[in-house]
Amino acid sequence: MARTKPEAPAALTHIDAAGRPTMVDVSAKASTARVASAECRVRFPADVAAQLHANGLKSAKGGIVDTAIIAGTMAVKRTHELIPFCHPLPIDGIAIAIDWHGERELRIECTVKTTHRTGVEMEALTGATVAALTVYDMCKALSHAIVLGPAKLVGKRGGKRDVGSITGGAR
């Protein structure tokens, strides 16, 4: 029976040898195609969901889905300004899909592509969550009982390892 080498325990990457916070040095890594998808859910009280279904996801502030897509796209491009140790990345594509998942829940998925030395998981997570926050902002006049989350990484490709699955297609 073949023996496999045990994996080394995972270590935090944003901590240096002295235990201080640090940005990961990616200068020695090769640039490769990278893609990540993340999702965030927005759950509405039944009466609010019924109202949103009836008016085609429009609010007094405008089109909810269109505004959330724009906000999520802007957030992806500014992730490095929000998360201290994220590298500024050239973004090759962003796709944000927002659809009903059942009667009371919106599912927001953000897929981001780049060709670089580091991945775009944080950009995808930021895009999905900011889009969800925008939906909340546009609907809060109807109820403050709207629930956001969970927000999670759906999948990533490129880099050291692939995780999960990529279902969205960044443009």
Protein backbone atom coordinates (compact mmCIF):
# COMPACT_ATOMS: atom_id res chain seq x y z
CA MET A 1 0.00 0.00 0.00
CA ALA A 2 1.40 3.38 -1.04
CA ARG A 3 1.88 5.92 1.68
CA THR A 4 1.09 9.55 1.08
CA LYS A 5 3.02 12.34 2.64
CA PRO A 6 0.91 14.09 5.29
CA GLU A 7 -0.01 17.66 4.45
CA ALA A 8 1.66 20.39 6.44
CA PRO A 9 -0.74 22.24 8.72
CA ALA A 10 -2.20 25.37 7.20
CA ALA A 11 -0.65 28.63 8.31
CA LEU A 12 -1.92 32.18 8.19
CA THR A 13 -0.41 33.94 5.20
CA HIS A 14 -0.78 37.54 6.36
CA ILE A 15 1.44 37.17 9.44
CA ASP A 16 5.21 37.51 9.20
CA ALA A 17 7.83 35.57 11.20
CA ALA A 18 7.58 38.11 14.04
CA GLY A 19 3.81 37.73 14.23
CA ARG A 20 3.12 41.13 12.65
CA PRO A 21 0.54 41.70 9.91
CA THR A 22 1.98 41.74 6.40
CA MET A 23 0.94 41.71 2.78
CA VAL A 24 1.88 38.46 1.03
CA ASP A 25 4.80 38.84 -1.38
CA VAL A 26 3.62 37.37 -4.69
CA SER A 27 6.56 38.62 -6.79
CA ALA A 28 8.00 35.13 -7.31
CA LYS A 29 4.68 33.62 -8.45
CA ALA A 30 3.83 33.18 -12.11
CA SER A 31 0.88 35.09 -13.56
CA THR A 32 -1.89 32.63 -14.39
CA ALA A 33 -5.57 32.81 -15.23
CA ARG A 34 -7.64 32.98 -12.05
CA VAL A 35 -11.39 32.97 -11.48
CA ALA A 36 -13.52 32.95 -8.34
CA SER A 37 -17.25 32.90 -7.63
CA ALA A 38 -18.92 33.93 -4.39
CA GLU A 39 -22.52 34.25 -3.34
CA CYS A 40 -24.56 36.11 -0.79
CA ARG A 41 -28.24 35.60 -0.01
CA VAL A 42 -30.85 38.23 0.88
CA ARG A 43 -33.90 36.87 2.74
CA PHE A 44 -37.06 38.98 2.97
CA PRO A 45 -40.08 38.79 5.25
CA ALA A 46 -42.98 37.17 3.35
CA ASP A 47 -44.93 40.41 2.86
CA VAL A 48 -41.86 42.26 1.54
CA ALA A 49 -41.00 39.42 -0.84
CA ALA A 50 -44.59 39.44 -2.16
CA GLN A 51 -44.38 43.19 -2.73
CA LEU A 52 -41.05 42.86 -4.55
CA HIS A 53 -42.40 40.04 -6.75
CA ALA A 54 -45.45 42.17 -7.58
CA ASN A 55 -43.44 45.24 -8.62
CA GLY A 56 -40.67 43.41 -10.52
CA LEU A 57 -37.92 44.25 -8.01
CA LYS A 58 -38.36 47.99 -8.38
CA SER A 59 -38.33 50.40 -5.47
CA ALA A 60 -38.85 54.10 -4.99
CA LYS A 61 -35.06 54.37 -5.43
CA GLY A 62 -35.09 52.60 -8.82
CA GLY A 63 -34.30 49.16 -10.21
CA ILE A 64 -33.02 47.05 -7.33
CA VAL A 65 -31.18 44.43 -9.38
CA ASP A 66 -29.57 46.91 -11.78
CA THR A 67 -28.36 49.11 -8.93
CA ALA A 68 -27.00 46.11 -6.99
CA ILE A 69 -25.08 44.91 -10.06
CA ILE A 70 -23.48 48.33 -10.51
CA ALA A 71 -22.59 48.54 -6.79
CA GLY A 72 -21.13 45.01 -6.78
CA THR A 73 -19.06 45.78 -9.87
CA MET A 74 -17.69 48.97 -8.32
CA ALA A 75 -16.88 47.07 -5.12
CA VAL A 76 -14.92 44.38 -6.98
CA LYS A 77 -12.73 47.06 -8.55
CA ARG A 78 -12.08 48.71 -5.17
CA THR A 79 -11.55 45.64 -2.99
CA HIS A 80 -7.89 46.48 -2.45
CA GLU A 81 -9.01 49.83 -0.94
CA LEU A 82 -11.31 48.09 1.55
CA ILE A 83 -9.35 44.99 2.63
CA PRO A 84 -5.90 46.01 3.95
CA PHE A 85 -3.75 43.21 2.51
CA CYS A 86 -5.46 42.67 -0.86
CA HIS A 87 -3.32 43.40 -3.88
CA PRO A 88 -4.68 45.81 -6.49
CA LEU A 89 -5.50 43.55 -9.43
CA PRO A 90 -6.25 44.04 -13.10
CA ILE A 91 -9.81 42.75 -13.38
CA ASP A 92 -10.46 40.97 -16.67
CA GLY A 93 -14.13 40.20 -16.13
CA ILE A 94 -17.00 40.52 -13.66
CA ALA A 95 -20.39 38.85 -13.85
CA ILE A 96 -23.06 39.39 -11.22
CA ALA A 97 -26.24 37.32 -11.35
CA ILE A 98 -29.20 38.05 -9.11
CA ASP A 99 -32.15 35.66 -9.11
CA TRP A 100 -34.94 34.55 -6.83
CA HIS A 101 -34.13 31.39 -4.91
CA GLY A 102 -37.56 30.36 -3.69
CA GLU A 103 -40.26 32.85 -2.84
CA ARG A 104 -38.45 34.91 -0.19
CA GLU A 105 -34.75 34.82 -0.99
CA LEU A 106 -32.52 36.46 -3.58
CA ARG A 107 -29.27 34.69 -4.48
CA ILE A 108 -26.50 37.00 -5.62
CA GLU A 109 -23.50 35.42 -7.33
CA CYS A 110 -20.39 37.34 -8.32
CA THR A 111 -17.75 35.79 -10.59
CA VAL A 112 -14.45 37.59 -11.16
CA LYS A 113 -11.57 36.83 -13.55
CA THR A 114 -7.99 38.04 -13.71
CA THR A 115 -4.62 36.94 -15.01
CA HIS A 116 -2.22 37.67 -12.20
CA ARG A 117 -0.03 36.20 -9.46
CA THR A 118 -2.80 36.09 -6.85
CA GLY A 119 -6.45 35.09 -6.85
CA VAL A 120 -9.71 37.01 -6.86
CA GLU A 121 -11.62 35.33 -4.02
CA MET A 122 -11.79 38.53 -1.98
CA GLU A 123 -12.98 40.49 -5.00
CA ALA A 124 -15.78 37.99 -5.66
CA LEU A 125 -16.83 37.97 -1.98
CA THR A 126 -16.74 41.77 -1.84
CA GLY A 127 -18.81 42.10 -5.02
CA ALA A 128 -21.48 39.67 -3.80
CA THR A 129 -21.76 41.19 -0.32
CA VAL A 130 -21.82 44.82 -1.49
CA ALA A 131 -24.52 43.91 -4.01
CA ALA A 132 -26.49 42.33 -1.13
CA LEU A 133 -25.96 45.43 1.03
CA THR A 134 -27.28 47.54 -1.84
CA VAL A 135 -30.42 45.39 -2.06
CA TYR A 136 -30.89 45.91 1.68
CA ASP A 137 -30.40 49.67 1.33
CA MET A 138 -32.95 49.88 -1.45
CA CYS A 139 -35.53 47.78 0.43
CA LYS A 140 -35.06 48.87 4.06
CA ALA A 141 -37.99 51.29 3.83
CA LEU A 142 -40.19 48.19 3.50
CA SER A 143 -38.66 46.34 6.47
CA HIS A 144 -35.58 46.20 8.67
CA ALA A 145 -36.13 42.44 9.12
CA ILE A 146 -34.28 41.68 5.87
CA VAL A 147 -31.47 39.19 6.53
CA LEU A 148 -28.19 39.06 4.62
CA GLY A 149 -26.10 35.93 4.32
CA PRO A 150 -24.56 33.62 4.33
CA ALA A 151 -21.83 35.01 2.15
CA LYS A 152 -19.48 32.31 0.94
CA LEU A 153 -16.94 31.34 -1.66
CA VAL A 154 -18.59 29.06 -4.21
CA GLY A 155 -15.40 28.13 -6.03
CA LYS A 156 -12.06 29.23 -7.40
CA ARG A 157 -9.74 28.10 -10.17
CA GLY A 158 -6.07 28.91 -10.66
CA GLY A 159 -3.20 29.17 -8.24
CA LYS A 160 -2.11 26.36 -5.91
CA ARG A 161 -5.46 24.59 -5.73
CA ASP A 162 -8.95 24.62 -7.15
CA VAL A 163 -11.88 24.77 -4.73
CA GLY A 164 -15.61 24.21 -5.27
CA SER A 165 -17.22 24.96 -8.60
CA ILE A 166 -17.48 27.98 -10.85
CA THR A 167 -20.98 28.45 -12.21
CA GLY A 168 -21.04 32.12 -13.25
CA GLY A 169 -19.30 33.52 -16.29
CA ALA A 170 -17.38 36.74 -15.93
CA ARG A 171 -17.70 38.89 -19.02
